[in-house]
Protein backbone atom coordinates (compact mmCIF):
# COMPACT_ATOMS: atom_id res chain seq x y z
CA MET A 1 -24.15 -33.27 -22.93
CA ARG A 2 -24.17 -29.40 -23.61
CA GLN A 3 -20.72 -29.52 -24.47
CA MET A 4 -20.60 -32.23 -26.59
CA CYS A 5 -23.17 -30.79 -29.22
CA TRP A 6 -20.44 -27.19 -28.98
CA ARG A 7 -18.47 -29.78 -30.11
CA ASP A 8 -19.69 -31.02 -32.87
CA PHE A 9 -21.26 -27.86 -33.92
CA TYR A 10 -17.60 -26.01 -34.30
CA HIS A 11 -16.55 -28.80 -36.50
CA GLN A 12 -19.32 -28.30 -38.41
CA VAL A 13 -18.93 -24.94 -38.87
CA LEU A 14 -15.71 -25.28 -39.98
CA ALA A 15 -16.56 -27.86 -41.91
CA VAL A 16 -17.78 -24.81 -43.97
CA THR A 17 -16.13 -22.21 -42.57
CA PRO A 18 -12.78 -22.79 -43.20
CA ASP A 19 -11.21 -19.71 -41.91
CA TYR A 20 -13.12 -19.55 -38.83
CA PRO A 21 -9.69 -19.72 -36.82
CA ARG A 22 -8.46 -16.61 -38.85
CA SER A 23 -11.60 -14.40 -38.96
CA ASP A 24 -14.44 -12.72 -37.47
CA TYR A 25 -17.71 -15.79 -38.02
CA ARG A 26 -20.04 -12.59 -37.41
CA SER A 27 -17.61 -9.64 -37.96
CA ARG A 28 -18.41 -6.02 -35.79
CA GLY A 29 -16.24 -4.35 -37.57
CA ASP A 30 -14.00 -4.12 -34.15
CA ASP A 31 -11.04 -2.35 -34.06
CA ARG A 32 -9.22 -5.14 -31.76
CA THR A 33 -5.80 -3.68 -29.89
CA LYS A 34 -2.04 -5.51 -31.13
CA ASP A 35 -0.67 -4.22 -27.77
CA LYS A 36 1.68 -6.89 -27.41
CA ASP A 37 2.80 -5.61 -23.80
CA ALA A 38 -1.28 -6.23 -22.82
CA PHE A 39 -1.04 -9.67 -24.15
CA ALA A 40 2.83 -10.29 -23.04
CA ALA A 41 0.77 -9.75 -19.40
CA TRP A 42 -1.63 -12.05 -20.17
CA ARG A 43 0.18 -14.14 -21.40
CA ASP A 44 3.04 -15.09 -18.84
CA GLY A 45 -0.11 -14.03 -16.15
CA ARG A 46 0.55 -11.20 -15.09
CA THR A 47 -1.94 -9.17 -14.89
CA GLY A 48 -2.54 -8.05 -11.45
CA TYR A 49 -5.76 -10.75 -11.06
CA PRO A 50 -5.20 -13.08 -9.44
CA ILE A 51 -8.14 -15.52 -10.91
CA VAL A 52 -6.62 -14.49 -14.88
CA ASP A 53 -3.34 -14.97 -13.98
CA ALA A 54 -4.17 -18.66 -12.41
CA GLY A 55 -5.61 -19.80 -15.52
CA MET A 56 -2.73 -18.31 -17.94
CA ARG A 57 -0.22 -19.69 -14.93
CA GLN A 58 -1.78 -23.32 -15.13
CA LEU A 59 -1.73 -23.39 -19.07
CA GLN A 60 1.54 -22.61 -18.94
CA ARG A 61 2.32 -25.01 -16.47
CA GLU A 62 0.19 -28.45 -17.46
CA GLY A 63 -1.12 -27.24 -20.97
CA TYR A 64 -4.68 -27.70 -19.35
CA MET A 65 -6.98 -25.57 -17.96
CA HIS A 66 -10.54 -26.28 -16.66
CA ASN A 67 -13.74 -24.51 -19.60
CA ARG A 68 -14.71 -21.86 -16.38
CA ALA A 69 -10.72 -20.98 -16.65
CA ARG A 70 -10.99 -20.47 -20.35
CA LEU A 71 -13.41 -18.57 -20.24
CA ILE A 72 -13.05 -16.41 -17.88
CA THR A 73 -8.89 -14.99 -19.46
CA SER A 74 -10.51 -15.06 -22.87
CA SER A 75 -13.28 -12.77 -21.65
CA PHE A 76 -10.41 -10.82 -19.94
CA LEU A 77 -8.07 -10.33 -22.76
CA THR A 78 -10.69 -9.58 -25.50
CA LYS A 79 -13.12 -7.51 -23.39
CA ILE A 80 -11.41 -6.14 -20.83
CA LEU A 81 -8.05 -5.59 -22.81
CA TYR A 82 -9.17 -5.55 -25.97
CA VAL A 83 -7.15 -7.77 -28.06
CA ASP A 84 -7.23 -9.76 -31.14
CA TRP A 85 -9.41 -12.58 -30.34
CA THR A 86 -6.91 -14.37 -32.37
CA TRP A 87 -3.75 -13.63 -30.81
CA GLY A 88 -5.10 -15.58 -27.96
CA ALA A 89 -6.90 -18.66 -29.71
CA ARG A 90 -2.53 -19.44 -31.52
CA HIS A 91 -1.71 -19.15 -28.20
CA PHE A 92 -4.31 -21.85 -26.85
CA PHE A 93 -3.36 -24.23 -29.38
CA ASP A 94 -0.08 -24.03 -28.93
CA LEU A 95 0.22 -24.87 -25.43
CA LEU A 96 -3.40 -26.79 -24.65
CA VAL A 97 -2.81 -31.21 -24.63
CA ASP A 98 -6.20 -30.98 -25.50
CA GLY A 99 -6.47 -28.61 -28.39
CA ASP A 100 -8.99 -28.85 -31.38
CA MET A 101 -8.73 -26.42 -33.62
CA ALA A 102 -12.44 -26.30 -34.58
CA ASN A 103 -13.61 -25.54 -30.62
CA ASN A 104 -10.50 -23.40 -29.55
CA SER A 105 -11.73 -20.86 -32.39
CA GLY A 106 -15.46 -21.38 -31.94
CA ASN A 107 -15.07 -20.84 -28.00
CA TRP A 108 -12.65 -17.70 -28.77
CA GLN A 109 -14.94 -16.26 -30.63
CA TRP A 110 -18.10 -16.89 -28.79
CA SER A 111 -16.18 -15.23 -26.30
CA ALA A 112 -14.91 -12.02 -28.55
CA GLY A 113 -18.85 -11.89 -29.54
CA THR A 114 -17.93 -12.54 -33.41
CA GLY A 115 -18.38 -16.25 -33.39
CA ASN A 116 -21.74 -17.85 -34.15
CA ASP A 117 -23.44 -16.65 -30.83
CA THR A 118 -22.43 -13.12 -30.38
CA ARG A 119 -23.65 -11.35 -27.71
CA PRO A 120 -21.15 -8.70 -27.51
CA TYR A 121 -21.81 -7.32 -24.14
CA ARG A 122 -21.02 -9.91 -22.74
CA VAL A 123 -18.06 -10.07 -19.73
CA LEU A 124 -17.37 -12.09 -17.03
CA ASN A 125 -15.91 -10.05 -14.52
CA PRO A 126 -12.99 -11.79 -12.91
CA ILE A 127 -13.65 -10.65 -9.73
CA ARG A 128 -17.32 -11.85 -9.37
CA GLN A 129 -16.44 -15.55 -11.93
CA ALA A 130 -13.20 -16.09 -8.84
CA GLU A 131 -15.68 -15.64 -6.04
CA ARG A 132 -17.89 -17.55 -7.44
CA TYR A 133 -16.26 -20.71 -8.94
CA ASP A 134 -12.82 -20.60 -6.40
CA PRO A 135 -14.33 -19.02 -2.77
CA SER A 136 -11.75 -20.09 -1.00
CA GLY A 137 -8.54 -18.80 -3.01
CA ASP A 138 -7.34 -22.71 -3.40
CA TYR A 139 -7.02 -22.30 -7.72
CA VAL A 140 -5.14 -18.39 -7.36
CA ARG A 141 -3.24 -20.41 -4.38
CA ARG A 142 -1.97 -23.21 -6.65
CA TYR A 143 -1.08 -21.27 -8.82
CA VAL A 144 -0.33 -18.22 -7.66
CA ASP A 145 2.83 -18.43 -5.60
CA GLU A 146 3.42 -15.23 -4.74
CA LEU A 147 -0.16 -14.80 -3.29
CA SER A 148 0.03 -17.99 -1.62
CA GLY A 149 0.19 -16.74 2.08
CA VAL A 150 -2.85 -14.92 1.43
CA GLU A 151 -5.07 -16.09 3.52
CA GLY A 152 -9.14 -16.82 2.05
CA LYS A 153 -10.90 -15.14 -0.66
CA ALA A 154 -8.29 -11.72 -0.02
CA VAL A 155 -6.84 -13.96 -2.82
CA HIS A 156 -9.09 -12.48 -5.40
CA GLN A 157 -8.00 -8.28 -4.83
CA PRO A 158 -4.86 -8.26 -3.39
CA TRP A 159 -5.15 -4.43 -3.87
CA LYS A 160 -6.61 -4.08 -0.98
CA LEU A 161 -4.84 -5.78 1.16
CA ASP A 162 -3.27 -3.08 4.22
CA ASP A 163 -0.60 -1.51 2.39
CA GLU A 164 2.00 -3.43 4.92
CA ALA A 165 0.85 -7.06 3.53
CA ARG A 166 0.58 -5.35 0.38
CA ALA A 167 4.20 -4.27 0.03
CA LYS A 168 5.59 -7.65 1.20
CA LEU A 169 3.84 -9.40 -2.26
CA ASP A 170 6.26 -9.84 -5.03
CA TYR A 171 2.10 -9.49 -7.05
CA PRO A 172 1.22 -6.53 -9.88
CA GLU A 173 -0.92 -4.07 -9.41
CA PRO A 174 -3.89 -4.65 -12.11
CA MET A 175 -3.18 -3.80 -15.43
CA VAL A 176 -6.02 -1.87 -15.86
CA ASP A 177 -9.50 -1.15 -13.84
CA TYR A 178 -11.91 -3.19 -15.22
CA SER A 179 -14.43 -1.03 -14.65
CA ASP A 180 -12.70 1.22 -16.56
CA GLY A 181 -11.49 -1.93 -19.26
CA MET A 182 -15.97 -1.67 -19.26
CA ARG A 183 -16.20 1.18 -20.12
CA SER A 184 -13.46 1.34 -23.00
CA TYR A 185 -14.95 -1.60 -24.27
CA ARG A 186 -18.24 -0.70 -24.81
CA GLU A 187 -17.51 2.59 -26.25
CA ARG A 188 -15.18 1.16 -28.79
CA HIS A 189 -17.75 -1.21 -29.63
CA THR A 190 -20.65 0.80 -29.88
CA LYS A 191 -18.04 2.95 -32.34
CA SER A 192 -17.28 0.13 -34.44
């Protein structure tokens, strides 16, 4: 029911704020990056974070992903990679079969901390989220073929596998250390 209320609310916000899909509702003065390489890795599901990559690959294959995956992937793009939320919103809107301009923009602004509910330090840790919502790793193995042979929750942090097992995988290393990304985000954000 709460999600239905958010849906209706975002439609009302868009009706009175037509620029909502293109600009911050509550700008925090962030100077988000225009890093095309980081965006491409995220878009293509090659970040090195299996839960993020699974979500992005599901979107490419099916034009859909569960709300939790949408939150994880958008938080990763806007907070850890510090890429402009409008890039992610456009990409989602282009691929989602259930794409809705008001909801898509509202949810992206929620993730970026620029929307109606501005909690800029709300960041979803992709590893914790994966362990909580995909404890056995089935979701990741379904969409990240390179990790289909990694058993259990080890699939969420393949960089921790022993050298021999890691060498057999054709899967990228994490493009950024989560802790470093968080630290960089907080430093940048407090300057804005």
